[in-house]
Full PDB file with SEQRES, HELIX, SHEET, SSBOND, CRYST1, ORIGX, SCALE, CONECT and MASTER records, all heavy atoms in Angstrom:
SEQRES   1 A   30  PHE GLY GLY LYS LYS LYS GLY SER LYS TRP ASN THR LYS          
SEQRES   2 A   30  GLU SER PHE ASN ASP VAL SER SER PHE GLN SER LYS VAL          
SEQRES   3 A   30  ALA HIS ASN LYS                                              
HELIX    1 AA1 LYS A   13  ASN A   17  1                                   5    
HELIX    2 AA2 SER A   24  ALA A   27  1                                   4    
CRYST1    1.000    1.000    1.000  90.00  90.00  90.00 P 1           1          
ORIGX1      1.000000  0.000000  0.000000        0.00000                         
ORIGX2      0.000000  1.000000  0.000000        0.00000                         
ORIGX3      0.000000  0.000000  1.000000        0.00000                         
SCALE1      1.000000  0.000000  0.000000        0.00000                         
SCALE2      0.000000  1.000000  0.000000        0.00000                         
SCALE3      0.000000  0.000000  1.000000        0.00000                         
ATOM      1  N   PHE A   1       1.139  -6.443   5.490  1.00  0.00           N  
ATOM      2  CA  PHE A   1      -0.111  -6.926   4.812  1.00  0.00           C  
ATOM      3  C   PHE A   1       0.205  -7.994   3.839  1.00  0.00           C  
ATOM      4  O   PHE A   1      -0.647  -8.343   3.012  1.00  0.00           O  
ATOM      5  CB  PHE A   1      -0.840  -5.751   4.166  1.00  0.00           C  
ATOM      6  CG  PHE A   1      -1.354  -4.763   5.131  1.00  0.00           C  
ATOM      7  CD1 PHE A   1      -0.568  -3.631   5.490  1.00  0.00           C  
ATOM      8  CD2 PHE A   1      -2.602  -4.913   5.714  1.00  0.00           C  
ATOM      9  CE1 PHE A   1      -1.068  -2.736   6.382  1.00  0.00           C  
ATOM     10  CE2 PHE A   1      -3.053  -3.948   6.642  1.00  0.00           C  
ATOM     11  CZ  PHE A   1      -2.312  -2.905   6.944  1.00  0.00           C  
ATOM     12  N   GLY A   2       1.439  -8.490   3.815  1.00  0.00           N  
ATOM     13  CA  GLY A   2       1.789  -9.490   2.794  1.00  0.00           C  
ATOM     14  C   GLY A   2       2.217  -8.819   1.483  1.00  0.00           C  
ATOM     15  O   GLY A   2       2.213  -7.618   1.347  1.00  0.00           O  
ATOM     16  N   GLY A   3       2.658  -9.641   0.576  1.00  0.00           N  
ATOM     17  CA  GLY A   3       3.061  -9.071  -0.680  1.00  0.00           C  
ATOM     18  C   GLY A   3       4.549  -8.720  -0.694  1.00  0.00           C  
ATOM     19  O   GLY A   3       5.314  -9.003   0.211  1.00  0.00           O  
ATOM     20  N   LYS A   4       4.965  -8.031  -1.743  1.00  0.00           N  
ATOM     21  CA  LYS A   4       6.391  -7.659  -1.877  1.00  0.00           C  
ATOM     22  C   LYS A   4       6.724  -6.494  -0.960  1.00  0.00           C  
ATOM     23  O   LYS A   4       6.015  -5.502  -0.867  1.00  0.00           O  
ATOM     24  CB  LYS A   4       6.614  -7.245  -3.371  1.00  0.00           C  
ATOM     25  CG  LYS A   4       8.029  -6.908  -3.663  1.00  0.00           C  
ATOM     26  CD  LYS A   4       8.183  -6.487  -5.108  1.00  0.00           C  
ATOM     27  CE  LYS A   4       9.645  -6.089  -5.409  1.00  0.00           C  
ATOM     28  NZ  LYS A   4       9.827  -5.716  -6.799  1.00  0.00           N  
ATOM     29  N   LYS A   5       7.808  -6.675  -0.181  1.00  0.00           N  
ATOM     30  CA  LYS A   5       8.338  -5.634   0.696  1.00  0.00           C  
ATOM     31  C   LYS A   5       9.693  -5.084   0.301  1.00  0.00           C  
ATOM     32  O   LYS A   5      10.005  -3.970   0.577  1.00  0.00           O  
ATOM     33  CB  LYS A   5       8.437  -6.183   2.117  1.00  0.00           C  
ATOM     34  CG  LYS A   5       7.107  -6.655   2.664  1.00  0.00           C  
ATOM     35  CD  LYS A   5       7.239  -7.157   4.092  1.00  0.00           C  
ATOM     36  CE  LYS A   5       5.877  -7.576   4.644  1.00  0.00           C  
ATOM     37  NZ  LYS A   5       5.352  -8.677   3.928  1.00  0.00           N  
ATOM     38  N   LYS A   6      10.519  -5.889  -0.405  1.00  0.00           N  
ATOM     39  CA  LYS A   6      11.821  -5.481  -0.764  1.00  0.00           C  
ATOM     40  C   LYS A   6      11.683  -4.459  -1.898  1.00  0.00           C  
ATOM     41  O   LYS A   6      10.978  -4.593  -2.887  1.00  0.00           O  
ATOM     42  CB  LYS A   6      12.649  -6.665  -1.279  1.00  0.00           C  
ATOM     43  CG  LYS A   6      14.091  -6.338  -1.626  1.00  0.00           C  
ATOM     44  CD  LYS A   6      14.834  -7.610  -2.051  1.00  0.00           C  
ATOM     45  CE  LYS A   6      16.306  -7.238  -2.368  1.00  0.00           C  
ATOM     46  NZ  LYS A   6      17.032  -8.465  -2.848  1.00  0.00           N  
ATOM     47  N   GLY A   7      12.406  -3.351  -1.637  1.00  0.00           N  
ATOM     48  CA  GLY A   7      12.420  -2.284  -2.591  1.00  0.00           C  
ATOM     49  C   GLY A   7      11.143  -1.450  -2.618  1.00  0.00           C  
ATOM     50  O   GLY A   7      10.875  -0.684  -3.552  1.00  0.00           O  
ATOM     51  N   SER A   8      10.346  -1.532  -1.531  1.00  0.00           N  
ATOM     52  CA  SER A   8       9.123  -0.727  -1.466  1.00  0.00           C  
ATOM     53  C   SER A   8       9.394   0.736  -1.292  1.00  0.00           C  
ATOM     54  O   SER A   8       8.529   1.570  -1.582  1.00  0.00           O  
ATOM     55  CB  SER A   8       8.266  -1.261  -0.306  1.00  0.00           C  
ATOM     56  OG  SER A   8       8.898  -1.126   0.919  1.00  0.00           O  
ATOM     57  N   LYS A   9      10.649   1.094  -0.791  1.00  0.00           N  
ATOM     58  CA  LYS A   9      10.925   2.528  -0.559  1.00  0.00           C  
ATOM     59  C   LYS A   9      11.803   3.108  -1.702  1.00  0.00           C  
ATOM     60  O   LYS A   9      12.320   4.217  -1.556  1.00  0.00           O  
ATOM     61  CB  LYS A   9      11.661   2.645   0.778  1.00  0.00           C  
ATOM     62  CG  LYS A   9      10.795   2.324   1.974  1.00  0.00           C  
ATOM     63  CD  LYS A   9      11.528   2.604   3.315  1.00  0.00           C  
ATOM     64  CE  LYS A   9      10.647   2.271   4.508  1.00  0.00           C  
ATOM     65  NZ  LYS A   9      11.310   2.524   5.772  1.00  0.00           N  
ATOM     66  N   TRP A  10      11.977   2.341  -2.735  1.00  0.00           N  
ATOM     67  CA  TRP A  10      12.854   2.850  -3.792  1.00  0.00           C  
ATOM     68  C   TRP A  10      12.038   3.973  -4.555  1.00  0.00           C  
ATOM     69  O   TRP A  10      10.805   3.945  -4.643  1.00  0.00           O  
ATOM     70  CB  TRP A  10      13.143   1.723  -4.816  1.00  0.00           C  
ATOM     71  CG  TRP A  10      14.181   0.754  -4.242  1.00  0.00           C  
ATOM     72  CD1 TRP A  10      14.827   0.825  -3.058  1.00  0.00           C  
ATOM     73  CD2 TRP A  10      14.608  -0.431  -4.950  1.00  0.00           C  
ATOM     74  NE1 TRP A  10      15.642  -0.250  -2.912  1.00  0.00           N  
ATOM     75  CE2 TRP A  10      15.558  -1.037  -4.037  1.00  0.00           C  
ATOM     76  CE3 TRP A  10      14.306  -1.047  -6.144  1.00  0.00           C  
ATOM     77  CZ2 TRP A  10      16.201  -2.221  -4.357  1.00  0.00           C  
ATOM     78  CZ3 TRP A  10      14.949  -2.223  -6.390  1.00  0.00           C  
ATOM     79  CH2 TRP A  10      15.872  -2.796  -5.540  1.00  0.00           C  
ATOM     80  N   ASN A  11      12.833   4.847  -5.091  1.00  0.00           N  
ATOM     81  CA  ASN A  11      12.204   5.929  -5.902  1.00  0.00           C  
ATOM     82  C   ASN A  11      11.773   5.407  -7.231  1.00  0.00           C  
ATOM     83  O   ASN A  11      12.317   4.469  -7.817  1.00  0.00           O  
ATOM     84  CB  ASN A  11      13.201   7.084  -6.132  1.00  0.00           C  
ATOM     85  CG  ASN A  11      12.890   8.219  -5.186  1.00  0.00           C  
ATOM     86  OD1 ASN A  11      11.819   8.350  -4.652  1.00  0.00           O  
ATOM     87  ND2 ASN A  11      13.891   9.077  -4.965  1.00  0.00           N  
ATOM     88  N   THR A  12      10.652   6.013  -7.706  1.00  0.00           N  
ATOM     89  CA  THR A  12      10.212   5.696  -9.057  1.00  0.00           C  
ATOM     90  C   THR A  12      10.289   6.986  -9.849  1.00  0.00           C  
ATOM     91  O   THR A  12      10.646   8.124  -9.358  1.00  0.00           O  
ATOM     92  CB  THR A  12       8.777   5.186  -8.999  1.00  0.00           C  
ATOM     93  OG1 THR A  12       7.929   6.175  -8.419  1.00  0.00           O  
ATOM     94  CG2 THR A  12       8.651   3.837  -8.193  1.00  0.00           C  
ATOM     95  N   LYS A  13       9.951   6.898 -11.162  1.00  0.00           N  
ATOM     96  CA  LYS A  13       9.915   8.030 -12.042  1.00  0.00           C  
ATOM     97  C   LYS A  13       8.988   9.091 -11.531  1.00  0.00           C  
ATOM     98  O   LYS A  13       9.280  10.328 -11.537  1.00  0.00           O  
ATOM     99  CB  LYS A  13       9.648   7.638 -13.456  1.00  0.00           C  
ATOM    100  CG  LYS A  13       9.789   8.780 -14.453  1.00  0.00           C  
ATOM    101  CD  LYS A  13       9.521   8.218 -15.835  1.00  0.00           C  
ATOM    102  CE  LYS A  13       9.608   9.329 -16.871  1.00  0.00           C  
ATOM    103  NZ  LYS A  13       9.325   8.897 -18.275  1.00  0.00           N  
ATOM    104  N   GLU A  14       7.815   8.668 -11.076  1.00  0.00           N  
ATOM    105  CA  GLU A  14       6.792   9.579 -10.610  1.00  0.00           C  
ATOM    106  C   GLU A  14       7.192  10.283  -9.290  1.00  0.00           C  
ATOM    107  O   GLU A  14       7.045  11.474  -9.167  1.00  0.00           O  
ATOM    108  CB  GLU A  14       5.452   8.878 -10.457  1.00  0.00           C  
ATOM    109  CG  GLU A  14       4.765   8.425 -11.746  1.00  0.00           C  
ATOM    110  CD  GLU A  14       5.440   7.184 -12.305  1.00  0.00           C  
ATOM    111  OE1 GLU A  14       6.226   6.549 -11.617  1.00  0.00           O  
ATOM    112  OE2 GLU A  14       5.073   6.859 -13.460  1.00  0.00           O  
ATOM    113  N   SER A  15       7.728   9.446  -8.384  1.00  0.00           N  
ATOM    114  CA  SER A  15       8.137  10.084  -7.094  1.00  0.00           C  
ATOM    115  C   SER A  15       9.366  10.980  -7.242  1.00  0.00           C  
ATOM    116  O   SER A  15       9.533  11.939  -6.540  1.00  0.00           O  
ATOM    117  CB  SER A  15       8.412   8.927  -6.077  1.00  0.00           C  
ATOM    118  OG  SER A  15       9.516   8.169  -6.489  1.00  0.00           O  
ATOM    119  N   PHE A  16      10.235  10.654  -8.223  1.00  0.00           N  
ATOM    120  CA  PHE A  16      11.408  11.476  -8.491  1.00  0.00           C  
ATOM    121  C   PHE A  16      10.979  12.847  -9.070  1.00  0.00           C  
ATOM    122  O   PHE A  16      11.580  13.886  -8.734  1.00  0.00           O  
ATOM    123  CB  PHE A  16      12.368  10.757  -9.435  1.00  0.00           C  
ATOM    124  CG  PHE A  16      13.565  11.594  -9.799  1.00  0.00           C  
ATOM    125  CD1 PHE A  16      14.609  11.729  -8.933  1.00  0.00           C  
ATOM    126  CD2 PHE A  16      13.645  12.195 -11.021  1.00  0.00           C  
ATOM    127  CE1 PHE A  16      15.698  12.477  -9.298  1.00  0.00           C  
ATOM    128  CE2 PHE A  16      14.771  12.977 -11.378  1.00  0.00           C  
ATOM    129  CZ  PHE A  16      15.780  13.099 -10.493  1.00  0.00           C  
ATOM    130  N   ASN A  17      10.012  12.813  -9.907  1.00  0.00           N  
ATOM    131  CA  ASN A  17       9.564  14.116 -10.563  1.00  0.00           C  
ATOM    132  C   ASN A  17       8.625  14.882  -9.651  1.00  0.00           C  
ATOM    133  O   ASN A  17       8.306  16.035  -9.950  1.00  0.00           O  
ATOM    134  CB  ASN A  17       8.877  13.796 -11.866  1.00  0.00           C  
ATOM    135  CG  ASN A  17       9.809  13.227 -12.883  1.00  0.00           C  
ATOM    136  OD1 ASN A  17      11.014  13.525 -12.866  1.00  0.00           O  
ATOM    137  ND2 ASN A  17       9.329  12.335 -13.779  1.00  0.00           N  
ATOM    138  N   ASP A  18       8.093  14.317  -8.571  1.00  0.00           N  
ATOM    139  CA  ASP A  18       7.190  15.036  -7.705  1.00  0.00           C  
ATOM    140  C   ASP A  18       7.995  15.801  -6.649  1.00  0.00           C  
ATOM    141  O   ASP A  18       8.672  15.234  -5.809  1.00  0.00           O  
ATOM    142  CB  ASP A  18       6.263  13.960  -6.985  1.00  0.00           C  
ATOM    143  CG  ASP A  18       5.220  14.624  -6.182  1.00  0.00           C  
ATOM    144  OD1 ASP A  18       4.988  15.875  -6.338  1.00  0.00           O  
ATOM    145  OD2 ASP A  18       4.585  13.940  -5.341  1.00  0.00           O  
ATOM    146  N   VAL A  19       7.884  17.142  -6.739  1.00  0.00           N  
ATOM    147  CA  VAL A  19       8.618  18.022  -5.870  1.00  0.00           C  
ATOM    148  C   VAL A  19       7.617  18.875  -5.054  1.00  0.00           C  
ATOM    149  O   VAL A  19       7.964  19.941  -4.571  1.00  0.00           O  
ATOM    150  CB  VAL A  19       9.539  18.961  -6.662  1.00  0.00           C  
ATOM    151  CG1 VAL A  19      10.670  18.140  -7.307  1.00  0.00           C  
ATOM    152  CG2 VAL A  19       8.809  19.712  -7.685  1.00  0.00           C  
ATOM    153  N   SER A  20       6.430  18.341  -4.884  1.00  0.00           N  
ATOM    154  CA  SER A  20       5.415  19.119  -4.141  1.00  0.00           C  
ATOM    155  C   SER A  20       5.738  19.224  -2.674  1.00  0.00           C  
ATOM    156  O   SER A  20       5.320  20.198  -2.022  1.00  0.00           O  
ATOM    157  CB  SER A  20       4.028  18.512  -4.349  1.00  0.00           C  
ATOM    158  OG  SER A  20       4.009  17.162  -3.916  1.00  0.00           O  
ATOM    159  N   SER A  21       6.482  18.248  -2.144  1.00  0.00           N  
ATOM    160  CA  SER A  21       6.759  18.245  -0.665  1.00  0.00           C  
ATOM    161  C   SER A  21       8.108  18.890  -0.388  1.00  0.00           C  
ATOM    162  O   SER A  21       8.567  18.799   0.780  1.00  0.00           O  
ATOM    163  CB  SER A  21       6.729  16.825  -0.145  1.00  0.00           C  
ATOM    164  OG  SER A  21       7.691  15.990  -0.812  1.00  0.00           O  
ATOM    165  N   PHE A  22       8.774  19.517  -1.379  1.00  0.00           N  
ATOM    166  CA  PHE A  22      10.066  20.082  -1.155  1.00  0.00           C  
ATOM    167  C   PHE A  22       9.926  21.407  -0.369  1.00  0.00           C  
ATOM    168  O   PHE A  22       9.085  22.267  -0.746  1.00  0.00           O  
ATOM    169  CB  PHE A  22      10.784  20.356  -2.492  1.00  0.00           C  
ATOM    170  CG  PHE A  22      12.113  21.063  -2.389  1.00  0.00           C  
ATOM    171  CD1 PHE A  22      13.230  20.339  -1.914  1.00  0.00           C  
ATOM    172  CD2 PHE A  22      12.211  22.395  -2.667  1.00  0.00           C  
ATOM    173  CE1 PHE A  22      14.446  20.983  -1.825  1.00  0.00           C  
ATOM    174  CE2 PHE A  22      13.456  23.012  -2.525  1.00  0.00           C  
ATOM    175  CZ  PHE A  22      14.553  22.286  -2.129  1.00  0.00           C  
ATOM    176  N   GLN A  23      10.755  21.587   0.676  1.00  0.00           N  
ATOM    177  CA  GLN A  23      10.771  22.813   1.469  1.00  0.00           C  
ATOM    178  C   GLN A  23      12.176  23.331   1.510  1.00  0.00           C  
ATOM    179  O   GLN A  23      13.131  22.685   1.963  1.00  0.00           O  
ATOM    180  CB  GLN A  23      10.299  22.504   2.864  1.00  0.00           C  
ATOM    181  CG  GLN A  23       8.830  22.000   2.924  1.00  0.00           C  
ATOM    182  CD  GLN A  23       8.388  21.731   4.361  1.00  0.00           C  
ATOM    183  OE1 GLN A  23       9.190  22.015   5.295  1.00  0.00           O  
ATOM    184  NE2 GLN A  23       7.200  21.205   4.515  1.00  0.00           N  
ATOM    185  N   SER A  24      12.372  24.518   0.951  1.00  0.00           N  
ATOM    186  CA  SER A  24      13.694  25.118   0.821  1.00  0.00           C  
ATOM    187  C   SER A  24      14.347  25.477   2.177  1.00  0.00           C  
ATOM    188  O   SER A  24      15.538  25.262   2.322  1.00  0.00           O  
ATOM    189  CB  SER A  24      13.632  26.368  -0.050  1.00  0.00           C  
ATOM    190  OG  SER A  24      12.807  27.340   0.546  1.00  0.00           O  
ATOM    191  N   LYS A  25      13.534  25.907   3.108  1.00  0.00           N  
ATOM    192  CA  LYS A  25      14.131  26.303   4.423  1.00  0.00           C  
ATOM    193  C   LYS A  25      14.717  25.099   5.186  1.00  0.00           C  
ATOM    194  O   LYS A  25      15.746  25.131   5.784  1.00  0.00           O  
ATOM    195  CB  LYS A  25      13.047  27.008   5.248  1.00  0.00           C  
ATOM    196  CG  LYS A  25      12.585  28.342   4.744  1.00  0.00           C  
ATOM    197  CD  LYS A  25      11.589  28.951   5.670  1.00  0.00           C  
ATOM    198  CE  LYS A  25      11.163  30.326   5.146  1.00  0.00           C  
ATOM    199  NZ  LYS A  25      10.193  30.975   6.069  1.00  0.00           N  
ATOM    200  N   VAL A  26      13.971  24.019   5.092  1.00  0.00           N  
ATOM    201  CA  VAL A  26      14.440  22.816   5.751  1.00  0.00           C  
ATOM    202  C   VAL A  26      15.641  22.259   5.007  1.00  0.00           C  
ATOM    203  O   VAL A  26      16.608  21.779   5.605  1.00  0.00           O  
ATOM    204  CB  VAL A  26      13.258  21.762   5.850  1.00  0.00           C  
ATOM    205  CG1 VAL A  26      13.780  20.454   6.411  1.00  0.00           C  
ATOM    206  CG2 VAL A  26      12.114  22.321   6.650  1.00  0.00           C  
ATOM    207  N   ALA A  27      15.580  22.324   3.680  1.00  0.00           N  
ATOM    208  CA  ALA A  27      16.721  21.778   2.935  1.00  0.00           C  
ATOM    209  C   ALA A  27      18.024  22.531   3.130  1.00  0.00           C  
ATOM    210  O   ALA A  27      19.104  21.993   3.076  1.00  0.00           O  
ATOM    211  CB  ALA A  27      16.353  21.727   1.447  1.00  0.00           C  
ATOM    212  N   HIS A  28      17.918  23.900   3.294  1.00  0.00           N  
ATOM    213  CA  HIS A  28      19.145  24.767   3.477  1.00  0.00           C  
ATOM    214  C   HIS A  28      19.377  25.056   4.878  1.00  0.00           C  
ATOM    215  O   HIS A  28      20.024  26.141   5.211  1.00  0.00           O  
ATOM    216  CB  HIS A  28      18.926  26.030   2.631  1.00  0.00           C  
ATOM    217  CG  HIS A  28      18.900  25.812   1.163  1.00  0.00           C  
ATOM    218  ND1 HIS A  28      17.711  25.625   0.487  1.00  0.00           N  
ATOM    219  CD2 HIS A  28      19.876  25.664   0.235  1.00  0.00           C  
ATOM    220  CE1 HIS A  28      17.903  25.395  -0.759  1.00  0.00           C  
ATOM    221  NE2 HIS A  28      19.249  25.472  -0.961  1.00  0.00           N  
ATOM    222  N   ASN A  29      18.865  24.291   5.849  1.00  0.00           N  
ATOM    223  CA  ASN A  29      19.129  24.450   7.303  1.00  0.00           C  
ATOM    224  C   ASN A  29      18.699  25.829   7.787  1.00  0.00           C  
ATOM    225  O   ASN A  29      19.397  26.443   8.600  1.00  0.00           O  
ATOM    226  CB  ASN A  29      20.617  24.218   7.590  1.00  0.00           C  
ATOM    227  CG  ASN A  29      20.896  23.902   9.004  1.00  0.00           C  
ATOM    228  OD1 ASN A  29      19.945  23.528   9.760  1.00  0.00           O  
ATOM    229  ND2 ASN A  29      22.154  23.955   9.484  1.00  0.00           N  
ATOM    230  N   LYS A  30      17.550  26.247   7.363  1.00  0.00           N  
ATOM    231  CA  LYS A  30      17.017  27.577   7.747  1.00  0.00           C  
ATOM    232  C   LYS A  30      15.697  27.438   8.522  1.00  0.00           C  
ATOM    233  O   LYS A  30      15.114  28.491   8.798  1.00  0.00           O  
ATOM    234  CB  LYS A  30      16.871  28.467   6.516  1.00  0.00           C  
ATOM    235  CG  LYS A  30      18.141  28.829   5.854  1.00  0.00           C  
ATOM    236  CD  LYS A  30      17.883  29.745   4.668  1.00  0.00           C  
ATOM    237  CE  LYS A  30      19.180  30.109   3.968  1.00  0.00           C  
ATOM    238  NZ  LYS A  30      18.916  31.032   2.837  1.00  0.00           N  
TER     239      LYS A  30                                                      
MASTER        0    0    0    2    0    0    0    6  238    1    0    3          
END                                                                             
């Protein structure tokens, strides 16, 4: 859509502190 694309997937302070999508079973291969 135009605009800045470089670094669009970098983490920010808000995304780093957001752990709502964390799943322990998937993270520990369970």
